[in-house]
Amino acid sequence: MSLYLQRLEEVKNFFDNKDTVLGYRKLMDCAMDTQDMDIYKKMIALTDWKEQHVNDETGLISRSMEVLSLLKTKKVEPTSAQGPVITASDITKTYGRSGFQLGPVSIEIKKGHIYGLVGENGNGKTTLLRILARELSNTSGSLNYVFKEDITSDYDLRAKLVYIPQRTATWYGSLKDNLKFVLSNYGVAPEENETRVLMMIARLGLWNYKQL
């Protein structure tokens, strides 16, 4: 049995045990992995129904099982093993006035992996992240980025890197409009843009806040 089908079986077990909160999250994860816009639209419609019938557990389970049956007909290939997309070698950052020095730090970051960066306040966690995201220059050491798409400029590279700071800038307009604006800058067509944005809002549990 493939990993994808195993995950679908886990979803069924959650709903069989009436753990609808975790079951629904896992169902959305599996739906998102299909990258199928028709599946996305079904999950969006189900999320809208779910928020309007918050006490109808039986109805939610029944409708979720219908989507689950459809997901079983889809083929999702696992991400193949790849080399690192970011390699940092002996990175340092020195601030002259304060005398603070970060590093040297070496790290490899691979696609599909999750990393934790742990340390006391003031130890340079944010500095390292900003260097990796090319928001800060490093004093010494080297950085190497590998992406499938050709990177011909610093702008192209920055478009592939996302860094979310502890304090974000003020957004103007609604949550939905801001996310649609980002995707439009990446050339996503209008209908797909709308579908992808609503699916992500649903997955993050922000359905009732999308127009705020």
N, C-alpha and C. Protein backbone atom coordinates (compact mmCIF):
# COMPACT_ATOMS: atom_id res chain seq x y z
N MET A 1 0.85 -1.19 0.00
CA MET A 1 0.00 0.00 0.00
C MET A 1 0.89 1.24 0.00
N SER A 2 0.56 2.21 -0.87
CA SER A 2 1.36 3.43 -0.95
C SER A 2 1.16 4.28 0.29
N LEU A 3 2.09 5.20 0.52
CA LEU A 3 1.99 6.11 1.66
C LEU A 3 0.72 6.95 1.57
N TYR A 4 0.36 7.37 0.37
CA TYR A 4 -0.86 8.17 0.18
C TYR A 4 -2.09 7.39 0.61
N LEU A 5 -2.20 6.13 0.21
CA LEU A 5 -3.35 5.32 0.60
C LEU A 5 -3.35 5.03 2.09
N GLN A 6 -2.18 4.89 2.68
CA GLN A 6 -2.09 4.71 4.13
C GLN A 6 -2.65 5.94 4.84
N ARG A 7 -2.33 7.11 4.32
CA ARG A 7 -2.83 8.35 4.94
C ARG A 7 -4.35 8.45 4.80
N LEU A 8 -4.88 8.01 3.67
CA LEU A 8 -6.33 8.01 3.50
C LEU A 8 -6.99 7.06 4.49
N GLU A 9 -6.34 5.93 4.75
CA GLU A 9 -6.88 4.97 5.73
C GLU A 9 -6.87 5.58 7.13
N GLU A 10 -5.85 6.37 7.43
CA GLU A 10 -5.79 7.06 8.71
C GLU A 10 -6.95 8.04 8.84
N VAL A 11 -7.26 8.74 7.75
CA VAL A 11 -8.39 9.68 7.76
C VAL A 11 -9.68 8.93 8.10
N LYS A 12 -9.89 7.80 7.46
CA LYS A 12 -11.10 7.00 7.72
C LYS A 12 -11.16 6.58 9.18
N ASN A 13 -10.03 6.19 9.75
CA ASN A 13 -10.01 5.76 11.15
C ASN A 13 -10.39 6.91 12.09
N PHE A 14 -9.92 8.12 11.77
CA PHE A 14 -10.27 9.28 12.60
C PHE A 14 -11.78 9.51 12.57
N PHE A 15 -12.38 9.45 11.38
CA PHE A 15 -13.82 9.67 11.28
C PHE A 15 -14.60 8.52 11.90
N ASP A 16 -14.10 7.28 11.77
CA ASP A 16 -14.77 6.14 12.40
C ASP A 16 -14.82 6.31 13.92
N ASN A 17 -13.78 6.94 14.48
CA ASN A 17 -13.73 7.19 15.92
C ASN A 17 -14.34 8.53 16.30
N LYS A 18 -15.00 9.17 15.31
CA LYS A 18 -15.68 10.46 15.51
C LYS A 18 -14.73 11.59 15.95
N ASP A 19 -13.46 11.46 15.57
CA ASP A 19 -12.52 12.55 15.77
C ASP A 19 -12.55 13.40 14.51
N THR A 20 -13.61 14.21 14.40
CA THR A 20 -13.85 14.95 13.17
C THR A 20 -12.87 16.12 12.98
N VAL A 21 -12.36 16.67 14.06
CA VAL A 21 -11.44 17.81 13.95
C VAL A 21 -10.15 17.38 13.26
N LEU A 22 -9.50 16.36 13.81
CA LEU A 22 -8.25 15.88 13.23
C LEU A 22 -8.50 15.18 11.89
N GLY A 23 -9.60 14.44 11.82
CA GLY A 23 -9.93 13.75 10.57
C GLY A 23 -10.11 14.72 9.42
N TYR A 24 -10.76 15.84 9.69
CA TYR A 24 -11.01 16.82 8.62
C TYR A 24 -9.71 17.49 8.19
N ARG A 25 -8.85 17.79 9.14
CA ARG A 25 -7.56 18.39 8.79
C ARG A 25 -6.74 17.44 7.91
N LYS A 26 -6.72 16.18 8.29
CA LYS A 26 -5.96 15.20 7.51
C LYS A 26 -6.59 15.00 6.13
N LEU A 27 -7.91 15.07 6.07
CA LEU A 27 -8.61 14.95 4.79
C LEU A 27 -8.19 16.10 3.86
N MET A 28 -8.12 17.31 4.41
CA MET A 28 -7.70 18.45 3.60
C MET A 28 -6.26 18.32 3.15
N ASP A 29 -5.41 17.79 4.02
CA ASP A 29 -4.01 17.58 3.63
C ASP A 29 -3.91 16.65 2.43
N CYS A 30 -4.66 15.55 2.49
CA CYS A 30 -4.62 14.59 1.38
C CYS A 30 -5.20 15.21 0.11
N ALA A 31 -6.25 16.00 0.26
CA ALA A 31 -6.84 16.68 -0.89
C ALA A 31 -5.85 17.65 -1.53
N MET A 32 -5.13 18.39 -0.69
CA MET A 32 -4.16 19.35 -1.20
C MET A 32 -3.04 18.66 -1.96
N ASP A 33 -2.66 17.47 -1.53
CA ASP A 33 -1.57 16.75 -2.18
C ASP A 33 -1.92 16.32 -3.60
N THR A 34 -3.20 16.25 -3.95
CA THR A 34 -3.58 15.85 -5.29
C THR A 34 -3.29 16.95 -6.31
N GLN A 35 -3.23 18.21 -5.86
CA GLN A 35 -3.07 19.36 -6.77
C GLN A 35 -4.13 19.34 -7.88
N ASP A 36 -5.31 18.85 -7.53
CA ASP A 36 -6.43 18.73 -8.47
C ASP A 36 -7.45 19.82 -8.12
N MET A 37 -7.68 20.77 -9.03
CA MET A 37 -8.56 21.89 -8.74
C MET A 37 -10.01 21.45 -8.52
N ASP A 38 -10.46 20.37 -9.17
CA ASP A 38 -11.81 19.87 -8.93
C ASP A 38 -11.96 19.33 -7.51
N ILE A 39 -10.92 18.65 -7.03
CA ILE A 39 -10.92 18.18 -5.64
C ILE A 39 -10.92 19.38 -4.69
N TYR A 40 -10.12 20.37 -5.00
CA TYR A 40 -10.08 21.58 -4.17
C TYR A 40 -11.48 22.20 -4.05
N LYS A 41 -12.18 22.28 -5.18
CA LYS A 41 -13.50 22.91 -5.17
C LYS A 41 -14.48 22.10 -4.30
N LYS A 42 -14.37 20.79 -4.32
CA LYS A 42 -15.24 19.96 -3.48
C LYS A 42 -14.94 20.20 -2.00
N MET A 43 -13.65 20.34 -1.66
CA MET A 43 -13.28 20.59 -0.27
C MET A 43 -13.70 21.99 0.17
N ILE A 44 -13.62 22.95 -0.73
CA ILE A 44 -14.06 24.31 -0.42
C ILE A 44 -15.56 24.32 -0.14
N ALA A 45 -16.33 23.64 -1.01
CA ALA A 45 -17.78 23.57 -0.81
C ALA A 45 -18.11 22.84 0.49
N LEU A 46 -17.36 21.79 0.81
CA LEU A 46 -17.61 21.05 2.04
C LEU A 46 -17.27 21.90 3.26
N THR A 47 -16.20 22.67 3.17
CA THR A 47 -15.83 23.55 4.29
C THR A 47 -16.91 24.60 4.52
N ASP A 48 -17.45 25.15 3.44
CA ASP A 48 -18.52 26.15 3.56
C ASP A 48 -19.75 25.52 4.22
N TRP A 49 -20.09 24.30 3.79
CA TRP A 49 -21.22 23.59 4.40
C TRP A 49 -20.93 23.32 5.88
N LYS A 50 -19.73 22.89 6.18
CA LYS A 50 -19.34 22.55 7.56
C LYS A 50 -19.50 23.75 8.50
N GLU A 51 -19.11 24.92 8.04
CA GLU A 51 -19.21 26.11 8.89
C GLU A 51 -20.65 26.58 9.09
N GLN A 52 -21.53 26.15 8.20
CA GLN A 52 -22.94 26.51 8.34
C GLN A 52 -23.73 25.45 9.11
N HIS A 53 -23.11 24.30 9.34
CA HIS A 53 -23.78 23.20 10.06
C HIS A 53 -22.82 22.66 11.12
N VAL A 54 -22.43 23.52 12.03
CA VAL A 54 -21.36 23.18 12.98
C VAL A 54 -21.74 22.03 13.91
N ASN A 55 -23.03 21.76 14.09
CA ASN A 55 -23.44 20.72 15.03
C ASN A 55 -23.86 19.42 14.33
N ASP A 56 -23.75 19.39 13.01
CA ASP A 56 -24.18 18.20 12.27
C ASP A 56 -22.98 17.29 12.04
N GLU A 57 -22.59 16.55 13.07
CA GLU A 57 -21.44 15.65 12.98
C GLU A 57 -21.69 14.53 11.99
N THR A 58 -22.91 13.97 12.02
CA THR A 58 -23.24 12.86 11.13
C THR A 58 -23.15 13.29 9.67
N GLY A 59 -23.68 14.47 9.38
CA GLY A 59 -23.63 14.99 8.01
C GLY A 59 -22.21 15.24 7.56
N LEU A 60 -21.38 15.77 8.45
CA LEU A 60 -19.98 16.05 8.11
C LEU A 60 -19.23 14.75 7.79
N ILE A 61 -19.45 13.74 8.62
CA ILE A 61 -18.76 12.46 8.40
C ILE A 61 -19.20 11.86 7.08
N SER A 62 -20.50 11.89 6.80
CA SER A 62 -21.02 11.32 5.56
C SER A 62 -20.44 12.02 4.34
N ARG A 63 -20.43 13.34 4.37
CA ARG A 63 -19.90 14.11 3.23
C ARG A 63 -18.39 13.94 3.10
N SER A 64 -17.72 13.83 4.22
CA SER A 64 -16.27 13.63 4.18
C SER A 64 -15.92 12.28 3.59
N MET A 65 -16.73 11.26 3.89
CA MET A 65 -16.48 9.94 3.34
C MET A 65 -16.67 9.93 1.82
N GLU A 66 -17.58 10.76 1.32
CA GLU A 66 -17.76 10.86 -0.13
C GLU A 66 -16.50 11.42 -0.79
N VAL A 67 -15.94 12.46 -0.18
CA VAL A 67 -14.70 13.04 -0.71
C VAL A 67 -13.56 12.03 -0.59
N LEU A 68 -13.52 11.31 0.53
CA LEU A 68 -12.47 10.32 0.74
C LEU A 68 -12.50 9.24 -0.34
N SER A 69 -13.70 8.81 -0.70
CA SER A 69 -13.84 7.80 -1.76
C SER A 69 -13.30 8.33 -3.08
N LEU A 70 -13.53 9.60 -3.34
CA LEU A 70 -13.01 10.22 -4.57
C LEU A 70 -11.49 10.32 -4.54
N LEU A 71 -10.94 10.64 -3.37
CA LEU A 71 -9.49 10.75 -3.24
C LEU A 71 -8.80 9.41 -3.51
N LYS A 72 -9.47 8.32 -3.19
CA LYS A 72 -8.87 7.00 -3.40
C LYS A 72 -8.68 6.68 -4.88
N THR A 73 -9.38 7.41 -5.74
CA THR A 73 -9.24 7.19 -7.19
C THR A 73 -8.08 7.99 -7.76
N LYS A 74 -7.49 8.88 -6.97
CA LYS A 74 -6.40 9.73 -7.45
C LYS A 74 -5.05 9.08 -7.14
N LYS A 75 -4.09 9.38 -7.98
CA LYS A 75 -2.75 8.85 -7.78
C LYS A 75 -1.83 10.00 -7.38
N VAL A 76 -1.23 9.87 -6.23
CA VAL A 76 -0.31 10.90 -5.73
C VAL A 76 1.07 10.28 -5.56
N GLU A 77 2.03 10.77 -6.29
CA GLU A 77 3.39 10.24 -6.22
C GLU A 77 4.15 10.91 -5.08
N PRO A 78 4.89 10.13 -4.30
CA PRO A 78 5.70 10.74 -3.23
C PRO A 78 6.82 11.58 -3.83
N THR A 79 7.25 12.58 -3.06
CA THR A 79 8.37 13.41 -3.49
C THR A 79 9.64 12.58 -3.53
N SER A 80 10.31 12.60 -4.65
CA SER A 80 11.54 11.82 -4.77
C SER A 80 12.66 12.45 -3.96
N ALA A 81 13.59 11.62 -3.53
CA ALA A 81 14.73 12.12 -2.75
C ALA A 81 15.55 13.08 -3.60
N GLN A 82 15.94 14.19 -3.01
CA GLN A 82 16.70 15.21 -3.71
C GLN A 82 17.84 15.69 -2.84
N GLY A 83 18.79 16.31 -3.50
CA GLY A 83 19.85 16.96 -2.75
C GLY A 83 19.35 18.22 -2.09
N PRO A 84 20.18 18.88 -1.31
CA PRO A 84 19.75 20.09 -0.61
C PRO A 84 19.43 21.23 -1.57
N VAL A 85 18.40 22.02 -1.24
CA VAL A 85 18.08 23.21 -2.03
C VAL A 85 18.84 24.43 -1.51
N ILE A 86 19.26 24.37 -0.25
CA ILE A 86 20.10 25.43 0.31
C ILE A 86 21.26 24.79 1.06
N THR A 87 22.46 25.23 0.76
CA THR A 87 23.64 24.77 1.48
C THR A 87 24.40 25.99 1.99
N ALA A 88 24.57 26.06 3.29
CA ALA A 88 25.37 27.13 3.90
C ALA A 88 26.64 26.52 4.48
N SER A 89 27.77 27.10 4.14
CA SER A 89 29.05 26.58 4.60
C SER A 89 29.81 27.66 5.38
N ASP A 90 30.03 27.39 6.67
CA ASP A 90 30.82 28.27 7.53
C ASP A 90 30.34 29.72 7.48
N ILE A 91 29.03 29.89 7.59
CA ILE A 91 28.44 31.24 7.57
C ILE A 91 28.74 31.98 8.87
N THR A 92 29.19 33.23 8.74
CA THR A 92 29.36 34.09 9.90
C THR A 92 28.72 35.44 9.63
N LYS A 93 28.35 36.11 10.71
CA LYS A 93 27.84 37.48 10.63
C LYS A 93 28.37 38.23 11.83
N THR A 94 29.06 39.33 11.57
CA THR A 94 29.66 40.11 12.64
C THR A 94 29.07 41.51 12.64
N TYR A 95 28.70 41.97 13.84
CA TYR A 95 28.25 43.35 14.03
C TYR A 95 29.32 44.09 14.81
N GLY A 96 29.92 45.08 14.18
CA GLY A 96 31.08 45.75 14.77
C GLY A 96 30.81 46.44 16.08
N ARG A 97 29.73 47.21 16.17
CA ARG A 97 29.48 48.01 17.37
C ARG A 97 29.18 47.13 18.58
N SER A 98 28.35 46.13 18.39
CA SER A 98 27.96 45.29 19.53
C SER A 98 28.98 44.21 19.83
N GLY A 99 29.79 43.86 18.83
CA GLY A 99 30.76 42.79 19.01
C GLY A 99 30.16 41.41 18.85
N PHE A 100 28.85 41.34 18.47
CA PHE A 100 28.20 40.04 18.29
C PHE A 100 28.71 39.36 17.04
N GLN A 101 28.96 38.06 17.14
CA GLN A 101 29.31 37.29 15.95
C GLN A 101 28.53 36.00 15.93
N LEU A 102 27.88 35.75 14.82
CA LEU A 102 27.17 34.50 14.59
C LEU A 102 28.09 33.55 13.84
N GLY A 103 28.11 32.31 14.28
CA GLY A 103 28.80 31.28 13.52
C GLY A 103 30.24 31.04 13.92
N PRO A 104 30.91 30.27 13.09
CA PRO A 104 30.47 29.78 11.79
C PRO A 104 29.40 28.69 11.88
N VAL A 105 28.44 28.75 10.95
CA VAL A 105 27.33 27.80 10.90
C VAL A 105 27.30 27.15 9.52
N SER A 106 27.15 25.84 9.50
CA SER A 106 26.97 25.10 8.25
C SER A 106 25.69 24.28 8.34
N ILE A 107 24.89 24.31 7.26
CA ILE A 107 23.60 23.61 7.29
C ILE A 107 23.18 23.27 5.86
N GLU A 108 22.49 22.14 5.72
CA GLU A 108 21.87 21.76 4.45
C GLU A 108 20.37 21.66 4.66
N ILE A 109 19.59 22.27 3.77
CA ILE A 109 18.14 22.25 3.86
C ILE A 109 17.60 21.54 2.63
N LYS A 110 16.82 20.47 2.87
CA LYS A 110 16.29 19.66 1.77
C LYS A 110 14.78 19.86 1.64
N LYS A 111 14.32 19.72 0.41
CA LYS A 111 12.89 19.86 0.13
C LYS A 111 12.10 18.78 0.85
N GLY A 112 10.95 19.17 1.41
CA GLY A 112 10.08 18.20 2.07
C GLY A 112 10.43 17.90 3.50
N HIS A 113 11.49 18.53 4.03
CA HIS A 113 11.90 18.31 5.41
C HIS A 113 11.48 19.49 6.28
N ILE A 114 11.32 19.24 7.56
CA ILE A 114 10.99 20.29 8.53
C ILE A 114 12.14 20.39 9.52
N TYR A 115 12.60 21.60 9.76
CA TYR A 115 13.74 21.82 10.63
C TYR A 115 13.34 22.71 11.80
N GLY A 116 13.93 22.45 12.94
CA GLY A 116 13.73 23.30 14.12
C GLY A 116 15.03 24.01 14.46
N LEU A 117 14.93 25.30 14.74
CA LEU A 117 16.10 26.11 15.11
C LEU A 117 15.89 26.57 16.55
N VAL A 118 16.73 26.08 17.44
CA VAL A 118 16.52 26.29 18.88
C VAL A 118 17.70 27.04 19.48
N GLY A 119 17.41 27.98 20.36
CA GLY A 119 18.48 28.70 21.04
C GLY A 119 17.92 29.80 21.92
N GLU A 120 18.73 30.30 22.82
CA GLU A 120 18.30 31.37 23.72
C GLU A 120 18.13 32.68 22.95
N ASN A 121 17.40 33.60 23.55
CA ASN A 121 17.24 34.93 22.95
C ASN A 121 18.60 35.58 22.75
N GLY A 122 18.78 36.19 21.57
CA GLY A 122 20.02 36.89 21.31
C GLY A 122 21.14 36.02 20.77
N ASN A 123 20.87 34.74 20.53
CA ASN A 123 21.91 33.83 20.05
C ASN A 123 22.07 33.83 18.54
N GLY A 124 21.17 34.53 17.83
CA GLY A 124 21.35 34.68 16.39
C GLY A 124 20.43 33.85 15.52
N LYS A 125 19.33 33.32 16.07
CA LYS A 125 18.40 32.51 15.27
C LYS A 125 17.81 33.34 14.13
N THR A 126 17.29 34.51 14.47
CA THR A 126 16.69 35.36 13.45
C THR A 126 17.72 35.83 12.44
N THR A 127 18.90 36.15 12.90
CA THR A 127 19.98 36.57 11.99
C THR A 127 20.28 35.48 10.98
N LEU A 128 20.37 34.23 11.44
CA LEU A 128 20.66 33.13 10.52
C LEU A 128 19.54 32.95 9.50
N LEU A 129 18.30 33.01 9.96
CA LEU A 129 17.17 32.85 9.04
C LEU A 129 17.16 33.96 8.00
N ARG A 130 17.45 35.18 8.41
CA ARG A 130 17.45 36.30 7.47
C ARG A 130 18.60 36.17 6.46
N ILE A 131 19.71 35.60 6.88
CA ILE A 131 20.82 35.36 5.95
C ILE A 131 20.42 34.31 4.92
N LEU A 132 19.81 33.21 5.39
CA LEU A 132 19.38 32.16 4.48
C LEU A 132 18.34 32.66 3.47
N ALA A 133 17.51 33.62 3.92
CA ALA A 133 16.47 34.18 3.05
C ALA A 133 16.98 35.36 2.23
N ARG A 134 18.25 35.66 2.34
CA ARG A 134 18.90 36.74 1.60
C ARG A 134 18.36 38.12 1.97
N GLU A 135 17.92 38.25 3.23
CA GLU A 135 17.53 39.57 3.73
C GLU A 135 18.71 40.27 4.37
N LEU A 136 19.72 39.49 4.77
CA LEU A 136 20.96 40.02 5.32
C LEU A 136 22.13 39.40 4.58
N SER A 137 23.19 40.15 4.45
CA SER A 137 24.40 39.58 3.86
C SER A 137 25.24 38.95 4.96
N ASN A 138 25.93 37.87 4.64
CA ASN A 138 26.81 37.24 5.60
C ASN A 138 28.20 37.85 5.51
N THR A 139 28.91 37.87 6.63
CA THR A 139 30.25 38.45 6.65
C THR A 139 31.25 37.53 5.94
N SER A 140 31.13 36.24 6.18
CA SER A 140 32.01 35.28 5.51
C SER A 140 31.26 33.97 5.33
N GLY A 141 31.87 33.03 4.62
CA GLY A 141 31.23 31.77 4.32
C GLY A 141 30.52 31.83 2.98
N SER A 142 29.89 30.73 2.59
CA SER A 142 29.24 30.68 1.28
C SER A 142 27.84 30.11 1.38
N LEU A 143 26.98 30.56 0.45
CA LEU A 143 25.60 30.09 0.34
C LEU A 143 25.37 29.59 -1.07
N ASN A 144 24.72 28.44 -1.18
CA ASN A 144 24.42 27.90 -2.49
C ASN A 144 22.95 27.48 -2.54
N TYR A 145 22.25 27.90 -3.59
CA TYR A 145 20.83 27.60 -3.76
C TYR A 145 20.63 26.78 -5.03
N VAL A 146 19.82 25.72 -4.92
CA VAL A 146 19.56 24.86 -6.08
C VAL A 146 18.05 24.71 -6.24
N PHE A 147 17.52 25.19 -7.36
CA PHE A 147 16.10 25.04 -7.67
C PHE A 147 15.97 24.48 -9.08
N LYS A 148 14.82 23.83 -9.35
CA LYS A 148 14.60 23.27 -10.69
C LYS A 148 14.55 24.38 -11.74
N GLU A 149 13.96 25.52 -11.37
CA GLU A 149 13.87 26.63 -12.30
C GLU A 149 15.21 27.37 -12.37
N ASP A 150 15.49 27.95 -13.50
CA ASP A 150 16.72 28.72 -13.67
C ASP A 150 16.66 29.99 -12.83
N ILE A 151 17.72 30.25 -12.09
CA ILE A 151 17.84 31.46 -11.30
C ILE A 151 18.86 32.36 -11.98
N THR A 152 18.37 33.43 -12.60
CA THR A 152 19.25 34.29 -13.38
C THR A 152 19.52 35.63 -12.71
N SER A 153 18.83 35.90 -11.59
CA SER A 153 19.03 37.18 -10.91
C SER A 153 18.70 37.02 -9.43
N ASP A 154 19.10 38.01 -8.66
CA ASP A 154 18.78 38.00 -7.23
C ASP A 154 17.27 38.07 -7.01
N TYR A 155 16.58 38.75 -7.93
CA TYR A 155 15.12 38.82 -7.83
C TYR A 155 14.51 37.43 -7.97
N ASP A 156 14.98 36.65 -8.95
CA ASP A 156 14.48 35.29 -9.13
C ASP A 156 14.68 34.46 -7.87
N LEU A 157 15.84 34.62 -7.25
CA LEU A 157 16.14 33.86 -6.04
C LEU A 157 15.22 34.26 -4.90
N ARG A 158 15.06 35.56 -4.70
CA ARG A 158 14.21 36.04 -3.61
C ARG A 158 12.76 35.60 -3.80
N ALA A 159 12.35 35.43 -5.05
CA ALA A 159 10.98 34.98 -5.32
C ALA A 159 10.75 33.53 -4.90
N LYS A 160 11.84 32.77 -4.69
CA LYS A 160 11.74 31.38 -4.27
C LYS A 160 11.86 31.22 -2.75
N LEU A 161 12.23 32.28 -2.06
CA LEU A 161 12.48 32.20 -0.62
C LEU A 161 11.41 32.99 0.13
N VAL A 162 10.89 32.41 1.19
CA VAL A 162 9.88 33.09 2.00
C VAL A 162 10.36 33.14 3.44
N TYR A 163 10.40 34.33 3.98
CA TYR A 163 10.75 34.50 5.39
C TYR A 163 9.64 35.30 6.07
N ILE A 164 9.05 34.73 7.10
CA ILE A 164 7.98 35.41 7.84
C ILE A 164 8.54 35.85 9.18
N PRO A 165 8.72 37.15 9.39
CA PRO A 165 9.32 37.63 10.64
C PRO A 165 8.34 37.53 11.81
N GLN A 166 8.88 37.72 13.00
CA GLN A 166 8.05 37.66 14.20
C GLN A 166 6.98 38.75 14.19
N ARG A 167 7.35 39.91 13.68
CA ARG A 167 6.41 41.02 13.57
C ARG A 167 6.25 41.33 12.08
N THR A 168 5.05 41.12 11.56
CA THR A 168 4.81 41.33 10.14
C THR A 168 4.29 42.74 9.88
N ALA A 169 4.47 43.19 8.66
CA ALA A 169 3.97 44.51 8.28
C ALA A 169 2.45 44.49 8.23
N THR A 170 1.84 45.67 8.36
CA THR A 170 0.38 45.78 8.32
C THR A 170 -0.15 45.43 6.94
N TRP A 171 -1.20 44.61 6.89
CA TRP A 171 -1.86 44.29 5.64
C TRP A 171 -3.02 45.25 5.43
N TYR A 172 -3.24 45.63 4.19
CA TYR A 172 -4.40 46.45 3.84
C TYR A 172 -5.31 45.63 2.94
N GLY A 173 -6.61 45.70 3.20
CA GLY A 173 -7.53 44.85 2.47
C GLY A 173 -7.75 43.55 3.21
N SER A 174 -8.58 42.67 2.63
CA SER A 174 -8.95 41.43 3.30
C SER A 174 -7.87 40.37 3.19
N LEU A 175 -7.97 39.36 4.05
CA LEU A 175 -7.07 38.20 4.00
C LEU A 175 -7.10 37.57 2.62
N LYS A 176 -8.30 37.34 2.11
CA LYS A 176 -8.46 36.70 0.81
C LYS A 176 -7.81 37.53 -0.30
N ASP A 177 -8.06 38.82 -0.31
CA ASP A 177 -7.52 39.68 -1.36
C ASP A 177 -6.00 39.72 -1.34
N ASN A 178 -5.42 39.73 -0.15
CA ASN A 178 -3.96 39.76 -0.05
C ASN A 178 -3.34 38.47 -0.60
N LEU A 179 -3.94 37.34 -0.29
CA LEU A 179 -3.42 36.07 -0.79
C LEU A 179 -3.59 35.96 -2.31
N LYS A 180 -4.71 36.45 -2.81
CA LYS A 180 -4.92 36.43 -4.26
C LYS A 180 -3.92 37.34 -4.97
N PHE A 181 -3.59 38.44 -4.34
CA PHE A 181 -2.62 39.36 -4.92
C PHE A 181 -1.25 38.70 -5.05
N VAL A 182 -0.86 37.94 -4.01
CA VAL A 182 0.43 37.25 -4.06
C VAL A 182 0.46 36.25 -5.22
N LEU A 183 -0.59 35.42 -5.33
CA LEU A 183 -0.61 34.42 -6.40
C LEU A 183 -0.66 35.06 -7.78
N SER A 184 -1.35 36.18 -7.90
CA SER A 184 -1.41 36.85 -9.21
C SER A 184 -0.03 37.32 -9.63
N ASN A 185 0.81 37.70 -8.65
CA ASN A 185 2.18 38.11 -8.97
C ASN A 185 3.03 36.95 -9.46
N TYR A 186 2.59 35.73 -9.15
CA TYR A 186 3.30 34.54 -9.63
C TYR A 186 2.67 34.01 -10.92
N GLY A 187 1.74 34.76 -11.49
CA GLY A 187 1.17 34.39 -12.77
C GLY A 187 0.10 33.33 -12.72
N VAL A 188 -0.50 33.09 -11.54
CA VAL A 188 -1.57 32.09 -11.43
C VAL A 188 -2.85 32.66 -12.03
N ALA A 189 -3.48 31.89 -12.91
CA ALA A 189 -4.69 32.35 -13.60
C ALA A 189 -5.82 32.60 -12.61
N PRO A 190 -6.76 33.54 -12.93
CA PRO A 190 -7.79 33.97 -11.97
C PRO A 190 -8.59 32.86 -11.32
N GLU A 191 -9.13 31.90 -12.11
CA GLU A 191 -9.96 30.86 -11.50
C GLU A 191 -9.14 29.96 -10.59
N GLU A 192 -7.96 29.57 -11.03
CA GLU A 192 -7.11 28.74 -10.19
C GLU A 192 -6.66 29.52 -8.96
N ASN A 193 -6.41 30.81 -9.12
CA ASN A 193 -6.01 31.68 -8.02
C ASN A 193 -7.07 31.63 -6.92
N GLU A 194 -8.32 31.86 -7.30
CA GLU A 194 -9.43 31.85 -6.34
C GLU A 194 -9.52 30.51 -5.62
N THR A 195 -9.40 29.42 -6.38
CA THR A 195 -9.53 28.08 -5.81
C THR A 195 -8.40 27.78 -4.83
N ARG A 196 -7.18 28.09 -5.23
CA ARG A 196 -6.03 27.81 -4.36
C ARG A 196 -6.09 28.63 -3.07
N VAL A 197 -6.48 29.88 -3.19
CA VAL A 197 -6.56 30.74 -2.01
C VAL A 197 -7.63 30.23 -1.03
N LEU A 198 -8.81 29.91 -1.54
CA LEU A 198 -9.88 29.44 -0.66
C LEU A 198 -9.51 28.10 -0.02
N MET A 199 -8.82 27.25 -0.76
CA MET A 199 -8.40 25.96 -0.20
C MET A 199 -7.42 26.18 0.95
N MET A 200 -6.46 27.08 0.77
CA MET A 200 -5.49 27.33 1.82
C MET A 200 -6.16 27.97 3.05
N ILE A 201 -7.06 28.89 2.81
CA ILE A 201 -7.78 29.51 3.93
C ILE A 201 -8.57 28.45 4.71
N ALA A 202 -9.19 27.52 3.97
CA ALA A 202 -9.93 26.44 4.63
C ALA A 202 -9.00 25.56 5.45
N ARG A 203 -7.86 25.22 4.88
CA ARG A 203 -6.92 24.32 5.57
C ARG A 203 -6.40 24.95 6.85
N LEU A 204 -6.21 26.25 6.85
CA LEU A 204 -5.65 26.92 8.03
C LEU A 204 -6.72 27.30 9.06
N GLY A 205 -7.97 26.88 8.81
CA GLY A 205 -9.04 27.14 9.78
C GLY A 205 -9.46 28.59 9.85
N LEU A 206 -9.31 29.32 8.74
CA LEU A 206 -9.61 30.76 8.74
C LEU A 206 -10.82 31.08 7.86
N TRP A 207 -11.67 30.08 7.62
CA TRP A 207 -12.77 30.26 6.68
C TRP A 207 -13.65 31.45 7.04
N ASN A 208 -13.96 31.60 8.30
CA ASN A 208 -14.86 32.68 8.72
C ASN A 208 -14.18 34.04 8.83
N TYR A 209 -12.90 34.08 8.49
CA TYR A 209 -12.14 35.33 8.59
C TYR A 209 -11.62 35.80 7.23
N LYS A 210 -12.03 35.12 6.16
CA LYS A 210 -11.41 35.39 4.85
C LYS A 210 -11.71 36.79 4.33
N GLN A 211 -12.82 37.40 4.75
CA GLN A 211 -13.14 38.75 4.27
C GLN A 211 -12.71 39.84 5.25
N LEU A 212 -12.03 39.48 6.33
CA LEU A 212 -11.61 40.47 7.32
C LEU A 212 -10.26 41.06 6.93
